[in-house]
Amino acid sequence: MAMAVVLAWCLALGAGRQLLLLSLFLLAGIASGRLQGRAIRSEPSAFMVAESWSAVRAALAKSLSGKLSLALTWANAIGILLVMILLEPTPAASIVIAAYAAFMLARELMALPALHRLDALRRSESAA
């Protein structure tokens, strides 16, 4: 929810003039989230025992889909750096923040169904 608010705020501040650029980050986020969801569905037990960000990252790295999702996350960071270097003399902060928010929002929304399934699996195991 917070990323949606941040993205809307950035668009209102003028990042909307870069919609084509922002759509690339959005599409990368969609792809990363779908890959992340696939990784969660393929190794649910590894994610259920993960209690830290490093354990979640290790669980992601166990599958090709997870590795690709991690690679897209790094590519997103590099893309944001390129925007900062190549776009205008100094790109507006709203464009840089909107690019990050578009990626993160899309990634989280695409991975959400797999997280709901993981939660349902956890609940059914704890009830048994």
Protein backbone atom coordinates (compact mmCIF):
# COMPACT_ATOMS: atom_id res chain seq x y z
CA MET A 1 0.00 0.00 0.00
CA ALA A 2 2.80 2.39 0.89
CA MET A 3 4.45 1.92 -2.51
CA ALA A 4 1.15 2.75 -4.24
CA VAL A 5 0.92 5.99 -2.27
CA VAL A 6 4.56 6.85 -3.03
CA LEU A 7 4.05 6.11 -6.73
CA ALA A 8 0.90 8.24 -6.91
CA TRP A 9 2.69 11.08 -5.09
CA CYS A 10 5.62 10.94 -7.51
CA LEU A 11 3.34 10.93 -10.53
CA ALA A 12 1.55 13.97 -9.14
CA LEU A 13 4.91 15.72 -8.70
CA GLY A 14 5.77 15.37 -12.36
CA ALA A 15 7.19 11.89 -12.83
CA GLY A 16 4.21 11.20 -15.11
CA ARG A 17 6.03 12.84 -18.01
CA GLN A 18 8.31 9.79 -17.99
CA LEU A 19 5.53 7.19 -18.27
CA LEU A 20 7.33 5.16 -20.91
CA LEU A 21 10.41 4.93 -18.73
CA LEU A 22 8.36 4.09 -15.65
CA SER A 23 6.47 1.40 -17.56
CA LEU A 24 9.77 -0.43 -18.11
CA PHE A 25 10.34 -0.56 -14.36
CA LEU A 26 6.73 -1.64 -13.86
CA LEU A 27 7.12 -4.48 -16.38
CA ALA A 28 10.36 -5.59 -14.74
CA GLY A 29 8.55 -5.63 -11.40
CA ILE A 30 5.75 -7.75 -12.85
CA ALA A 31 8.27 -10.23 -14.22
CA SER A 32 10.23 -10.32 -10.97
CA GLY A 33 7.09 -10.84 -8.91
CA ARG A 34 5.87 -13.66 -11.14
CA LEU A 35 9.27 -15.34 -10.87
CA GLN A 36 9.29 -14.82 -7.11
CA GLY A 37 5.83 -16.37 -6.85
CA ARG A 38 6.94 -19.35 -8.91
CA ALA A 39 9.96 -19.80 -6.61
CA ILE A 40 7.74 -19.67 -3.51
CA ARG A 41 5.37 -22.27 -4.99
CA SER A 42 8.25 -24.58 -5.94
CA GLU A 43 9.94 -24.53 -2.49
CA PRO A 44 7.28 -23.59 0.08
CA SER A 45 9.02 -25.34 2.98
CA ALA A 46 12.19 -23.28 2.51
CA PHE A 47 10.17 -20.07 2.76
CA MET A 48 8.12 -21.26 5.72
CA VAL A 49 11.21 -21.71 7.90
CA ALA A 50 12.86 -18.46 6.76
CA GLU A 51 13.01 -15.98 9.63
CA SER A 52 15.33 -13.31 8.19
CA TRP A 53 15.90 -11.51 4.91
CA SER A 54 19.03 -13.58 4.32
CA ALA A 55 17.07 -16.81 4.79
CA VAL A 56 14.44 -15.60 2.32
CA ARG A 57 17.19 -14.69 -0.16
CA ALA A 58 18.75 -18.14 0.30
CA ALA A 59 15.34 -19.75 -0.30
CA LEU A 60 14.93 -17.69 -3.47
CA ALA A 61 18.38 -18.73 -4.68
CA LYS A 62 17.41 -22.43 -4.50
CA SER A 63 15.43 -22.25 -7.74
CA LEU A 64 16.05 -20.83 -11.19
CA SER A 65 12.93 -18.68 -10.90
CA GLY A 66 14.18 -17.24 -7.62
CA LYS A 67 17.62 -16.58 -9.06
CA LEU A 68 16.08 -14.77 -12.01
CA SER A 69 13.90 -12.72 -9.66
CA LEU A 70 16.98 -11.70 -7.68
CA ALA A 71 18.78 -10.83 -10.92
CA LEU A 72 15.88 -8.62 -11.99
CA THR A 73 15.98 -6.86 -8.64
CA TRP A 74 19.66 -6.08 -9.19
CA ALA A 75 18.94 -5.04 -12.79
CA ASN A 76 16.30 -2.66 -11.42
CA ALA A 77 18.91 -1.05 -9.16
CA ILE A 78 21.31 -0.69 -12.08
CA GLY A 79 18.48 0.75 -14.20
CA ILE A 80 17.74 3.36 -11.54
CA LEU A 81 21.44 4.29 -11.44
CA LEU A 82 21.41 4.67 -15.23
CA VAL A 83 18.35 6.92 -14.99
CA MET A 84 20.20 9.04 -12.47
CA ILE A 85 23.28 9.26 -14.70
CA LEU A 86 21.78 9.52 -18.18
CA LEU A 87 18.44 11.30 -17.76
CA GLU A 88 18.71 15.05 -17.92
CA PRO A 89 21.53 16.81 -16.10
CA THR A 90 19.83 16.00 -12.80
CA PRO A 91 16.67 13.92 -12.95
CA ALA A 92 13.89 14.92 -10.62
CA ALA A 93 13.89 12.89 -7.43
CA SER A 94 10.25 12.03 -8.16
CA ILE A 95 11.29 10.13 -11.30
CA VAL A 96 13.91 8.08 -9.48
CA ILE A 97 11.57 7.33 -6.56
CA ALA A 98 8.70 6.53 -8.94
CA ALA A 99 10.88 4.05 -10.86
CA TYR A 100 11.74 2.26 -7.61
CA ALA A 101 8.14 2.35 -6.38
CA ALA A 102 6.77 1.06 -9.72
CA PHE A 103 9.13 -1.93 -9.63
CA MET A 104 8.50 -2.75 -5.96
CA LEU A 105 4.73 -2.32 -6.14
CA ALA A 106 4.42 -4.56 -9.19
CA ARG A 107 6.79 -7.17 -7.73
CA GLU A 108 4.91 -7.37 -4.44
CA LEU A 109 1.47 -7.49 -6.08
CA MET A 110 2.54 -10.30 -8.42
CA ALA A 111 4.07 -12.35 -5.57
CA LEU A 112 1.11 -11.81 -3.23
CA PRO A 113 -0.99 -14.82 -4.38
CA ALA A 114 1.93 -17.17 -3.69
CA LEU A 115 2.37 -15.62 -0.25
CA HIS A 116 -1.33 -16.15 0.48
CA ARG A 117 -0.96 -19.82 -0.51
CA LEU A 118 2.11 -20.09 1.71
CA ASP A 119 0.17 -18.63 4.63
CA ALA A 120 -2.72 -21.03 4.04
CA LEU A 121 -0.28 -23.95 3.97
CA ARG A 122 1.31 -22.75 7.23
CA ARG A 123 -2.10 -22.44 8.87
CA SER A 124 -3.20 -25.91 7.73
CA GLU A 125 0.03 -27.44 9.06
CA SER A 126 -0.29 -25.71 12.42
CA ALA A 127 -3.93 -26.79 12.74
CA ALA A 128 -3.05 -30.44 12.14
